[in-house]
Amino acid sequence: MKTELPVIVVSGLPRSGTSMVMRMLQAGGLEVVTDHVRKPDEHNPVGYFEDNRIKSLGENNAWLTEASGRAVKVVSMLLYHLPPTCRYQIVFVRRRMEEILLSQRKMLQQLNRDQGGVDDATMATKLDAHLRKIEGWIPRQPNMSCMYVTYDEVVLDPRGHAERLANFLGGNLDVDAMARSVDASLYRSRPVSS
């Protein structure tokens, strides 16, 4: 019986930097699963690297078995719906909560949408609770291994993090190309220091 390669999952909260990591992996030579439906825009000028099938992962996840050896972006809230029949290497992207909220607010304002009347403090509490839960759940899954990266640290040291990512994923990636793909000018949603 042949051993299937794991599915490489890039995850995190929305606006945490998952697109940056997907771009790094693609630059390094890894095939990424994307349908190109969501086009680049001012919020993600190099692309979102998404596949719309992720949105219905709770109802249909069988297609993920075909993503063996490739990278797929899965928002952290949907990790629970990954089929247990696959093995996963998860790259989980962390980012300062205030930066996530600021980036999300900018995007929603541009789209003329609001956060459903939820203030930042309440949203931060909910998202922190979710992160604690999911980060406690992942290590208990026998078919998952996980590496955590932090958005601003990757931007500050792309080469070092490219090496860590390549090592975690088996060492067969172009580290230089991964590091070059990180564009520090896209690190724009930073709260003003007091």
N, C-alpha and C. Protein backbone atom coordinates (compact mmCIF):
# COMPACT_ATOMS: atom_id res chain seq x y z
N MET A 1 0.83 -1.19 0.00
CA MET A 1 0.00 0.00 0.00
C MET A 1 0.87 1.25 0.00
N LYS A 2 0.63 2.17 -0.93
CA LYS A 2 1.45 3.38 -0.97
C LYS A 2 1.02 4.36 0.11
N THR A 3 1.99 5.12 0.59
CA THR A 3 1.71 6.13 1.61
C THR A 3 1.44 7.45 0.92
N GLU A 4 0.27 8.00 1.15
CA GLU A 4 -0.09 9.30 0.58
C GLU A 4 0.68 10.41 1.29
N LEU A 5 1.08 11.40 0.52
CA LEU A 5 1.70 12.58 1.13
C LEU A 5 0.65 13.32 1.94
N PRO A 6 1.06 14.01 2.98
CA PRO A 6 0.07 14.79 3.74
C PRO A 6 -0.45 15.97 2.93
N VAL A 7 -1.64 16.41 3.27
CA VAL A 7 -2.17 17.67 2.75
C VAL A 7 -1.55 18.78 3.59
N ILE A 8 -1.02 19.79 2.94
CA ILE A 8 -0.41 20.92 3.65
C ILE A 8 -1.48 21.98 3.79
N VAL A 9 -1.83 22.29 5.02
CA VAL A 9 -2.90 23.24 5.32
C VAL A 9 -2.30 24.52 5.88
N VAL A 10 -2.58 25.63 5.25
CA VAL A 10 -2.20 26.94 5.78
C VAL A 10 -3.45 27.52 6.43
N SER A 11 -3.35 27.80 7.73
CA SER A 11 -4.53 28.22 8.48
C SER A 11 -4.21 29.39 9.41
N GLY A 12 -5.26 29.93 9.96
CA GLY A 12 -5.18 31.05 10.88
C GLY A 12 -6.49 31.81 10.83
N LEU A 13 -6.57 32.86 11.59
CA LEU A 13 -7.76 33.72 11.53
C LEU A 13 -7.77 34.48 10.21
N PRO A 14 -8.94 34.93 9.76
CA PRO A 14 -8.97 35.80 8.58
C PRO A 14 -8.10 37.04 8.82
N ARG A 15 -7.38 37.46 7.79
CA ARG A 15 -6.50 38.64 7.82
C ARG A 15 -5.26 38.43 8.69
N SER A 16 -4.86 37.16 8.89
CA SER A 16 -3.69 36.89 9.74
C SER A 16 -2.40 36.76 8.96
N GLY A 17 -2.47 36.64 7.63
CA GLY A 17 -1.26 36.49 6.83
C GLY A 17 -1.17 35.15 6.12
N THR A 18 -2.28 34.43 6.04
CA THR A 18 -2.27 33.12 5.39
C THR A 18 -1.96 33.23 3.89
N SER A 19 -2.41 34.30 3.24
CA SER A 19 -2.11 34.47 1.81
C SER A 19 -0.62 34.64 1.59
N MET A 20 0.06 35.35 2.49
CA MET A 20 1.51 35.53 2.39
C MET A 20 2.21 34.17 2.46
N VAL A 21 1.78 33.32 3.38
CA VAL A 21 2.41 32.01 3.53
C VAL A 21 2.11 31.13 2.31
N MET A 22 0.89 31.19 1.80
CA MET A 22 0.57 30.44 0.58
C MET A 22 1.47 30.88 -0.57
N ARG A 23 1.68 32.17 -0.68
CA ARG A 23 2.55 32.69 -1.75
C ARG A 23 3.97 32.18 -1.56
N MET A 24 4.44 32.15 -0.31
CA MET A 24 5.79 31.62 -0.03
C MET A 24 5.91 30.17 -0.49
N LEU A 25 4.91 29.37 -0.16
CA LEU A 25 4.96 27.96 -0.51
C LEU A 25 4.93 27.77 -2.02
N GLN A 26 4.09 28.56 -2.70
CA GLN A 26 4.03 28.47 -4.15
C GLN A 26 5.37 28.89 -4.77
N ALA A 27 5.95 29.97 -4.26
CA ALA A 27 7.25 30.43 -4.76
C ALA A 27 8.32 29.37 -4.53
N GLY A 28 8.18 28.63 -3.45
CA GLY A 28 9.15 27.59 -3.13
C GLY A 28 9.03 26.35 -3.97
N GLY A 29 7.97 26.26 -4.78
CA GLY A 29 7.82 25.12 -5.67
C GLY A 29 6.70 24.18 -5.31
N LEU A 30 5.91 24.53 -4.31
CA LEU A 30 4.81 23.67 -3.90
C LEU A 30 3.55 24.03 -4.69
N GLU A 31 2.82 23.04 -5.14
CA GLU A 31 1.57 23.30 -5.83
C GLU A 31 0.51 23.71 -4.82
N VAL A 32 -0.23 24.77 -5.11
CA VAL A 32 -1.27 25.24 -4.21
C VAL A 32 -2.64 25.00 -4.84
N VAL A 33 -3.61 24.73 -3.99
CA VAL A 33 -4.98 24.48 -4.43
C VAL A 33 -5.73 25.81 -4.39
N THR A 34 -6.08 26.33 -5.55
CA THR A 34 -6.82 27.57 -5.63
C THR A 34 -7.67 27.56 -6.90
N ASP A 35 -8.84 28.17 -6.82
CA ASP A 35 -9.69 28.23 -8.01
C ASP A 35 -9.61 29.59 -8.71
N HIS A 36 -8.86 30.53 -8.15
CA HIS A 36 -8.65 31.87 -8.74
C HIS A 36 -9.95 32.66 -8.89
N VAL A 37 -11.00 32.26 -8.17
CA VAL A 37 -12.27 32.99 -8.26
C VAL A 37 -12.14 34.35 -7.60
N ARG A 38 -11.57 34.38 -6.41
CA ARG A 38 -11.38 35.66 -5.72
C ARG A 38 -10.11 36.31 -6.25
N LYS A 39 -10.29 37.41 -6.92
CA LYS A 39 -9.18 38.08 -7.59
C LYS A 39 -8.39 38.96 -6.63
N PRO A 40 -7.10 39.20 -6.94
CA PRO A 40 -6.32 40.16 -6.14
C PRO A 40 -7.02 41.51 -6.10
N ASP A 41 -6.85 42.20 -4.99
CA ASP A 41 -7.41 43.54 -4.85
C ASP A 41 -6.48 44.36 -3.97
N GLU A 42 -6.92 45.54 -3.57
CA GLU A 42 -6.02 46.40 -2.79
C GLU A 42 -5.69 45.82 -1.41
N HIS A 43 -6.53 44.91 -0.92
CA HIS A 43 -6.29 44.31 0.40
C HIS A 43 -5.33 43.13 0.31
N ASN A 44 -5.32 42.43 -0.81
CA ASN A 44 -4.40 41.32 -1.07
C ASN A 44 -3.94 41.43 -2.53
N PRO A 45 -3.02 42.35 -2.81
CA PRO A 45 -2.64 42.60 -4.19
C PRO A 45 -1.95 41.44 -4.89
N VAL A 46 -1.43 40.48 -4.14
CA VAL A 46 -0.78 39.32 -4.79
C VAL A 46 -1.71 38.12 -4.83
N GLY A 47 -2.93 38.27 -4.34
CA GLY A 47 -3.91 37.20 -4.43
C GLY A 47 -4.28 36.60 -3.09
N TYR A 48 -5.41 35.90 -3.09
CA TYR A 48 -5.95 35.30 -1.87
C TYR A 48 -5.63 33.81 -1.74
N PHE A 49 -5.31 33.15 -2.83
CA PHE A 49 -4.94 31.73 -2.82
C PHE A 49 -6.04 30.88 -2.17
N GLU A 50 -7.28 31.15 -2.52
CA GLU A 50 -8.41 30.46 -1.91
C GLU A 50 -9.07 29.50 -2.90
N ASP A 51 -9.84 28.58 -2.37
CA ASP A 51 -10.68 27.69 -3.16
C ASP A 51 -12.07 27.75 -2.53
N ASN A 52 -13.07 28.11 -3.33
CA ASN A 52 -14.42 28.30 -2.80
C ASN A 52 -15.00 27.06 -2.14
N ARG A 53 -14.49 25.89 -2.48
CA ARG A 53 -15.01 24.66 -1.88
C ARG A 53 -14.78 24.63 -0.37
N ILE A 54 -13.81 25.41 0.10
CA ILE A 54 -13.53 25.46 1.54
C ILE A 54 -14.75 25.96 2.31
N LYS A 55 -15.51 26.86 1.71
CA LYS A 55 -16.66 27.44 2.41
C LYS A 55 -17.69 26.40 2.80
N SER A 56 -17.76 25.29 2.06
CA SER A 56 -18.73 24.23 2.38
C SER A 56 -18.03 22.96 2.87
N LEU A 57 -16.90 23.15 3.53
CA LEU A 57 -16.11 22.01 4.00
C LEU A 57 -16.90 21.12 4.96
N GLY A 58 -17.83 21.72 5.72
CA GLY A 58 -18.65 20.94 6.65
C GLY A 58 -19.60 19.99 5.94
N GLU A 59 -20.00 20.34 4.72
CA GLU A 59 -20.94 19.51 3.97
C GLU A 59 -20.23 18.60 2.97
N ASN A 60 -19.11 19.07 2.42
CA ASN A 60 -18.40 18.29 1.40
C ASN A 60 -16.90 18.48 1.56
N ASN A 61 -16.24 17.47 2.09
CA ASN A 61 -14.78 17.56 2.26
C ASN A 61 -14.03 16.44 1.54
N ALA A 62 -14.75 15.60 0.79
CA ALA A 62 -14.11 14.46 0.13
C ALA A 62 -13.03 14.90 -0.86
N TRP A 63 -13.21 16.06 -1.49
CA TRP A 63 -12.24 16.53 -2.48
C TRP A 63 -10.86 16.77 -1.90
N LEU A 64 -10.78 16.98 -0.59
CA LEU A 64 -9.48 17.25 0.04
C LEU A 64 -8.54 16.05 -0.05
N THR A 65 -9.10 14.87 -0.19
CA THR A 65 -8.24 13.68 -0.31
C THR A 65 -7.40 13.76 -1.59
N GLU A 66 -7.81 14.58 -2.54
CA GLU A 66 -7.06 14.75 -3.79
C GLU A 66 -5.97 15.82 -3.65
N ALA A 67 -5.88 16.47 -2.51
CA ALA A 67 -4.90 17.55 -2.31
C ALA A 67 -3.61 17.05 -1.67
N SER A 68 -3.42 15.77 -1.64
CA SER A 68 -2.21 15.17 -1.08
C SER A 68 -0.96 15.79 -1.71
N GLY A 69 -0.04 16.26 -0.85
CA GLY A 69 1.20 16.85 -1.33
C GLY A 69 1.08 18.27 -1.80
N ARG A 70 -0.10 18.86 -1.70
CA ARG A 70 -0.32 20.24 -2.12
C ARG A 70 -0.76 21.09 -0.94
N ALA A 71 -0.72 22.41 -1.12
CA ALA A 71 -1.10 23.33 -0.04
C ALA A 71 -2.49 23.89 -0.29
N VAL A 72 -3.28 23.93 0.76
CA VAL A 72 -4.64 24.47 0.68
C VAL A 72 -4.86 25.40 1.87
N LYS A 73 -5.52 26.50 1.62
CA LYS A 73 -5.78 27.49 2.67
C LYS A 73 -7.14 27.19 3.31
N VAL A 74 -7.13 27.02 4.64
CA VAL A 74 -8.34 26.70 5.39
C VAL A 74 -8.41 27.62 6.60
N VAL A 75 -9.41 28.50 6.65
CA VAL A 75 -9.57 29.39 7.79
C VAL A 75 -9.72 28.54 9.06
N SER A 76 -9.18 29.01 10.16
CA SER A 76 -9.08 28.18 11.37
C SER A 76 -10.42 27.66 11.88
N MET A 77 -11.50 28.40 11.66
CA MET A 77 -12.81 27.97 12.13
C MET A 77 -13.28 26.68 11.44
N LEU A 78 -12.69 26.37 10.28
CA LEU A 78 -13.12 25.20 9.51
C LEU A 78 -12.19 23.99 9.67
N LEU A 79 -11.15 24.11 10.47
CA LEU A 79 -10.22 22.99 10.63
C LEU A 79 -10.91 21.74 11.18
N TYR A 80 -11.94 21.93 11.98
CA TYR A 80 -12.66 20.79 12.56
C TYR A 80 -13.30 19.91 11.47
N HIS A 81 -13.49 20.45 10.27
CA HIS A 81 -14.16 19.72 9.20
C HIS A 81 -13.20 18.99 8.27
N LEU A 82 -11.89 19.02 8.57
CA LEU A 82 -10.95 18.29 7.73
C LEU A 82 -11.24 16.80 7.85
N PRO A 83 -11.30 16.07 6.73
CA PRO A 83 -11.60 14.64 6.82
C PRO A 83 -10.52 13.89 7.57
N PRO A 84 -10.91 13.02 8.50
CA PRO A 84 -9.93 12.30 9.32
C PRO A 84 -9.14 11.24 8.55
N THR A 85 -9.52 10.98 7.30
CA THR A 85 -8.85 9.97 6.50
C THR A 85 -7.52 10.44 5.92
N CYS A 86 -7.23 11.75 6.00
CA CYS A 86 -5.99 12.30 5.47
C CYS A 86 -5.03 12.63 6.59
N ARG A 87 -3.75 12.75 6.22
CA ARG A 87 -2.75 13.30 7.13
C ARG A 87 -2.54 14.77 6.76
N TYR A 88 -2.23 15.59 7.77
CA TYR A 88 -2.08 17.02 7.53
C TYR A 88 -0.81 17.57 8.18
N GLN A 89 -0.15 18.44 7.45
CA GLN A 89 0.89 19.30 8.02
C GLN A 89 0.30 20.70 8.00
N ILE A 90 0.06 21.25 9.18
CA ILE A 90 -0.61 22.54 9.29
C ILE A 90 0.42 23.63 9.58
N VAL A 91 0.39 24.68 8.77
CA VAL A 91 1.16 25.89 9.06
C VAL A 91 0.14 26.90 9.56
N PHE A 92 0.20 27.19 10.85
CA PHE A 92 -0.80 28.06 11.47
C PHE A 92 -0.18 29.44 11.66
N VAL A 93 -0.82 30.45 11.06
CA VAL A 93 -0.30 31.81 11.07
C VAL A 93 -0.95 32.60 12.20
N ARG A 94 -0.12 33.14 13.04
CA ARG A 94 -0.60 34.01 14.13
C ARG A 94 -0.28 35.46 13.79
N ARG A 95 -1.09 36.36 14.34
CA ARG A 95 -0.87 37.80 14.15
C ARG A 95 -1.47 38.53 15.33
N ARG A 96 -0.91 39.68 15.66
CA ARG A 96 -1.45 40.46 16.76
C ARG A 96 -2.93 40.74 16.51
N MET A 97 -3.73 40.55 17.56
CA MET A 97 -5.17 40.69 17.41
C MET A 97 -5.56 42.09 16.94
N GLU A 98 -4.89 43.12 17.44
CA GLU A 98 -5.26 44.48 17.05
C GLU A 98 -4.99 44.71 15.56
N GLU A 99 -3.98 44.04 15.01
CA GLU A 99 -3.70 44.17 13.58
C GLU A 99 -4.74 43.44 12.74
N ILE A 100 -5.15 42.26 13.20
CA ILE A 100 -6.20 41.52 12.50
C ILE A 100 -7.48 42.34 12.46
N LEU A 101 -7.87 42.89 13.60
CA LEU A 101 -9.11 43.66 13.68
C LEU A 101 -9.04 44.92 12.83
N LEU A 102 -7.89 45.58 12.84
CA LEU A 102 -7.71 46.79 12.02
C LEU A 102 -7.80 46.45 10.53
N SER A 103 -7.14 45.38 10.12
CA SER A 103 -7.17 44.97 8.73
C SER A 103 -8.59 44.58 8.30
N GLN A 104 -9.28 43.86 9.17
CA GLN A 104 -10.66 43.45 8.87
C GLN A 104 -11.57 44.68 8.75
N ARG A 105 -11.40 45.63 9.66
CA ARG A 105 -12.24 46.83 9.65
C ARG A 105 -12.02 47.63 8.36
N LYS A 106 -10.76 47.75 7.94
CA LYS A 106 -10.45 48.47 6.70
C LYS A 106 -11.13 47.82 5.51
N MET A 107 -11.06 46.49 5.46
CA MET A 107 -11.66 45.76 4.34
C MET A 107 -13.17 45.93 4.34
N LEU A 108 -13.79 45.80 5.51
CA LEU A 108 -15.25 45.93 5.59
C LEU A 108 -15.71 47.34 5.21
N GLN A 109 -14.95 48.35 5.64
CA GLN A 109 -15.30 49.73 5.29
C GLN A 109 -15.22 49.94 3.78
N GLN A 110 -14.21 49.37 3.17
CA GLN A 110 -14.05 49.49 1.72
C GLN A 110 -15.22 48.84 0.98
N LEU A 111 -15.75 47.76 1.57
CA LEU A 111 -16.86 47.03 0.95
C LEU A 111 -18.22 47.57 1.40
N ASN A 112 -18.20 48.67 2.20
CA ASN A 112 -19.43 49.26 2.75
C ASN A 112 -20.23 48.26 3.58
N ARG A 113 -19.51 47.47 4.37
CA ARG A 113 -20.15 46.51 5.29
C ARG A 113 -19.66 46.79 6.70
N ASP A 114 -20.43 46.33 7.69
CA ASP A 114 -19.99 46.50 9.07
C ASP A 114 -19.78 45.13 9.70
N GLN A 115 -19.34 45.14 10.96
CA GLN A 115 -19.05 43.90 11.67
C GLN A 115 -20.28 43.34 12.36
N GLY A 116 -21.46 43.70 11.88
CA GLY A 116 -22.68 43.18 12.48
C GLY A 116 -22.95 43.75 13.86
N GLY A 117 -22.47 44.96 14.10
CA GLY A 117 -22.71 45.60 15.38
C GLY A 117 -21.82 45.10 16.51
N VAL A 118 -20.80 44.30 16.20
CA VAL A 118 -19.90 43.76 17.23
C VAL A 118 -18.69 44.68 17.35
N ASP A 119 -18.41 45.16 18.56
CA ASP A 119 -17.26 46.04 18.74
C ASP A 119 -15.97 45.22 18.80
N ASP A 120 -14.84 45.92 18.67
CA ASP A 120 -13.55 45.25 18.62
C ASP A 120 -13.25 44.43 19.88
N ALA A 121 -13.60 44.94 21.04
CA ALA A 121 -13.30 44.23 22.29
C ALA A 121 -14.06 42.90 22.35
N THR A 122 -15.32 42.92 21.96
CA THR A 122 -16.12 41.69 21.96
C THR A 122 -15.60 40.72 20.91
N MET A 123 -15.27 41.25 19.73
CA MET A 123 -14.73 40.40 18.67
C MET A 123 -13.40 39.77 19.10
N ALA A 124 -12.54 40.56 19.72
CA ALA A 124 -11.25 40.04 20.18
C ALA A 124 -11.43 38.93 21.20
N THR A 125 -12.38 39.09 22.12
CA THR A 125 -12.66 38.06 23.12
C THR A 125 -13.11 36.76 22.46
N LYS A 126 -14.00 36.88 21.47
CA LYS A 126 -14.49 35.69 20.77
C LYS A 126 -13.37 35.00 19.99
N LEU A 127 -12.56 35.79 19.30
CA LEU A 127 -11.48 35.21 18.50
C LEU A 127 -10.40 34.58 19.38
N ASP A 128 -10.09 35.22 20.50
CA ASP A 128 -9.11 34.64 21.44
C ASP A 128 -9.60 33.30 21.98
N ALA A 129 -10.89 33.23 22.31
CA ALA A 129 -11.46 31.97 22.81
C ALA A 129 -11.38 30.88 21.74
N HIS A 130 -11.67 31.26 20.50
CA HIS A 130 -11.57 30.30 19.40
C HIS A 130 -10.14 29.80 19.25
N LEU A 131 -9.15 30.72 19.29
CA LEU A 131 -7.76 30.32 19.13
C LEU A 131 -7.32 29.37 20.23
N ARG A 132 -7.71 29.66 21.46
CA ARG A 132 -7.34 28.75 22.57
C ARG A 132 -7.92 27.36 22.33
N LYS A 133 -9.15 27.31 21.86
CA LYS A 133 -9.80 26.03 21.62
C LYS A 133 -9.14 25.26 20.48
N ILE A 134 -8.92 25.92 19.35
CA ILE A 134 -8.37 25.23 18.19
C ILE A 134 -6.91 24.84 18.42
N GLU A 135 -6.16 25.70 19.12
CA GLU A 135 -4.75 25.39 19.38
C GLU A 135 -4.60 24.29 20.44
N GLY A 136 -5.64 24.05 21.21
CA GLY A 136 -5.65 22.90 22.12
C GLY A 136 -6.12 21.64 21.43
N TRP A 137 -6.95 21.80 20.39
CA TRP A 137 -7.51 20.66 19.67
C TRP A 137 -6.51 20.01 18.71
N ILE A 138 -5.73 20.84 18.00
CA ILE A 138 -4.82 20.32 16.97
C ILE A 138 -3.85 19.26 17.52
N PRO A 139 -3.17 19.49 18.65
CA PRO A 139 -2.20 18.49 19.11
C PRO A 139 -2.83 17.15 19.50
N ARG A 140 -4.13 17.12 19.70
CA ARG A 140 -4.81 15.88 20.07
C ARG A 140 -5.21 15.05 18.86
N GLN A 141 -4.98 15.59 17.66
CA GLN A 141 -5.36 14.87 16.45
C GLN A 141 -4.18 14.03 15.96
N PRO A 142 -4.34 12.71 15.90
CA PRO A 142 -3.21 11.85 15.53
C PRO A 142 -2.75 12.00 14.09
N ASN A 143 -3.57 12.61 13.24
CA ASN A 143 -3.23 12.75 11.82
C ASN A 143 -2.73 14.16 11.48
N MET A 144 -2.40 14.96 12.50
CA MET A 144 -1.97 16.33 12.27
C MET A 144 -0.65 16.64 12.96
N SER A 145 0.22 17.37 12.25
CA SER A 145 1.37 18.01 12.87
C SER A 145 1.24 19.49 12.55
N CYS A 146 1.79 20.34 13.40
CA CYS A 146 1.55 21.77 13.24
C CYS A 146 2.80 22.58 13.53
N MET A 147 3.01 23.58 12.71
CA MET A 147 4.06 24.57 12.92
C MET A 147 3.39 25.94 12.99
N TYR A 148 3.77 26.72 13.99
CA TYR A 148 3.22 28.07 14.15
C TYR A 148 4.22 29.09 13.63
N VAL A 149 3.71 30.07 12.88
CA VAL A 149 4.52 31.20 12.45
C VAL A 149 3.76 32.48 12.80
N THR A 150 4.49 33.54 13.03
CA THR A 150 3.87 34.82 13.39
C THR A 150 4.14 35.82 12.26
N TYR A 151 3.08 36.44 11.81
CA TYR A 151 3.12 37.30 10.63
C TYR A 151 4.26 38.31 10.65
N ASP A 152 4.33 39.14 11.68
CA ASP A 152 5.34 40.20 11.68
C ASP A 152 6.75 39.63 11.76
N GLU A 153 6.93 38.47 12.40
CA GLU A 153 8.25 37.85 12.47
C GLU A 153 8.69 37.33 11.11
N VAL A 154 7.74 36.82 10.32
CA VAL A 154 8.06 36.37 8.97
C VAL A 154 8.48 37.56 8.12
N VAL A 155 7.76 38.67 8.24
CA VAL A 155 8.10 39.87 7.47
C VAL A 155 9.50 40.38 7.84
N LEU A 156 9.83 40.31 9.12
CA LEU A 156 11.14 40.80 9.58
C LEU A 156 12.28 39.86 9.23
N ASP A 157 12.02 38.56 9.15
CA ASP A 157 13.06 37.57 8.86
C ASP A 157 12.53 36.52 7.88
N PRO A 158 12.29 36.93 6.63
CA PRO A 158 11.70 35.97 5.68
C PRO A 158 12.60 34.78 5.41
N ARG A 159 13.89 34.98 5.35
CA ARG A 159 14.81 33.88 5.06
C ARG A 159 14.78 32.82 6.17
N GLY A 160 14.86 33.28 7.41
CA GLY A 160 14.85 32.34 8.54
C GLY A 160 13.56 31.54 8.59
N HIS A 161 12.44 32.20 8.34
CA HIS A 161 11.16 31.50 8.39
C HIS A 161 10.95 30.62 7.16
N ALA A 162 11.50 31.02 6.02
CA ALA A 162 11.43 30.17 4.83
C ALA A 162 12.18 28.86 5.10
N GLU A 163 13.32 28.95 5.76
CA GLU A 163 14.08 27.74 6.11
C GLU A 163 13.29 26.85 7.06
N ARG A 164 12.68 27.46 8.07
CA ARG A 164 11.88 26.68 9.02
C ARG A 164 10.71 25.98 8.32
N LEU A 165 10.03 26.72 7.44
CA LEU A 165 8.91 26.14 6.70
C LEU A 165 9.39 24.99 5.82
N ALA A 166 10.48 25.21 5.10
CA ALA A 166 10.99 24.16 4.21
C ALA A 166 11.37 22.92 5.00
N ASN A 167 11.99 23.09 6.14
CA ASN A 167 12.37 21.95 6.98
C ASN A 167 11.14 21.20 7.49
N PHE A 168 10.15 21.95 7.92
CA PHE A 168 8.91 21.33 8.43
C PHE A 168 8.22 20.51 7.34
N LEU A 169 8.31 21.00 6.11
CA LEU A 169 7.60 20.35 5.00
C LEU A 169 8.47 19.37 4.22
N GLY A 170 9.63 19.04 4.75
CA GLY A 170 10.44 18.00 4.13
C GLY A 170 11.71 18.45 3.43
N GLY A 171 11.93 19.76 3.37
CA GLY A 171 13.21 20.27 2.87
C GLY A 171 13.36 20.39 1.37
N ASN A 172 12.32 20.16 0.59
CA ASN A 172 12.47 20.19 -0.87
C ASN A 172 11.92 21.46 -1.52
N LEU A 173 12.00 22.57 -0.82
CA LEU A 173 11.49 23.83 -1.34
C LEU A 173 12.62 24.82 -1.60
N ASP A 174 12.40 25.75 -2.50
CA ASP A 174 13.38 26.78 -2.84
C ASP A 174 13.29 27.90 -1.80
N VAL A 175 14.18 27.84 -0.82
CA VAL A 175 14.14 28.78 0.31
C VAL A 175 14.36 30.21 -0.15
N ASP A 176 15.29 30.42 -1.08
CA ASP A 176 15.56 31.78 -1.56
C ASP A 176 14.33 32.39 -2.22
N ALA A 177 13.66 31.61 -3.06
CA ALA A 177 12.45 32.12 -3.72
C ALA A 177 11.35 32.39 -2.71
N MET A 178 11.23 31.55 -1.70
CA MET A 178 10.23 31.77 -0.65
C MET A 178 10.49 33.09 0.05
N ALA A 179 11.75 33.32 0.42
CA ALA A 179 12.10 34.55 1.14
C ALA A 179 11.85 35.78 0.27
N ARG A 180 12.18 35.69 -1.01
CA ARG A 180 11.98 36.83 -1.92
C ARG A 180 10.50 37.16 -2.12
N SER A 181 9.64 36.19 -1.93
CA SER A 181 8.21 36.43 -2.17
C SER A 181 7.55 37.26 -1.08
N VAL A 182 8.21 37.42 0.06
CA VAL A 182 7.65 38.20 1.17
C VAL A 182 7.85 39.69 0.88
N ASP A 183 6.75 40.41 0.77
CA ASP A 183 6.79 41.84 0.45
C ASP A 183 6.45 42.65 1.70
N ALA A 184 7.48 43.20 2.32
CA ALA A 184 7.29 43.95 3.57
C ALA A 184 6.39 45.17 3.39
N SER A 185 6.29 45.69 2.16
CA SER A 185 5.45 46.88 1.93
C SER A 185 3.97 46.57 2.12
N LEU A 186 3.61 45.28 2.13
CA LEU A 186 2.20 44.90 2.32
C LEU A 186 1.82 44.82 3.79
N TYR A 187 2.79 45.04 4.69
CA TYR A 187 2.50 45.04 6.13
C TYR A 187 1.99 46.43 6.47
N ARG A 188 0.69 46.65 6.26
CA ARG A 188 0.13 47.99 6.36
C ARG A 188 -0.81 48.19 7.53
N SER A 189 -1.44 47.15 8.03
CA SER A 189 -2.44 47.29 9.09
C SER A 189 -1.79 47.17 10.45
N ARG A 190 -1.10 48.26 10.82
CA ARG A 190 -0.45 48.30 12.12
C ARG A 190 -1.05 49.44 12.93
N PRO A 191 -1.48 49.15 14.15
CA PRO A 191 -2.00 50.24 14.98
C PRO A 191 -0.93 51.29 15.22
N VAL A 192 -1.36 52.54 15.35
CA VAL A 192 -0.43 53.63 15.63
C VAL A 192 0.09 53.45 17.05
N SER A 193 1.40 53.50 17.21
CA SER A 193 1.99 53.36 18.55
C SER A 193 1.65 54.56 19.40
N SER A 194 1.44 54.29 20.69
CA SER A 194 1.09 55.40 21.58
C SER A 194 2.34 56.00 22.18
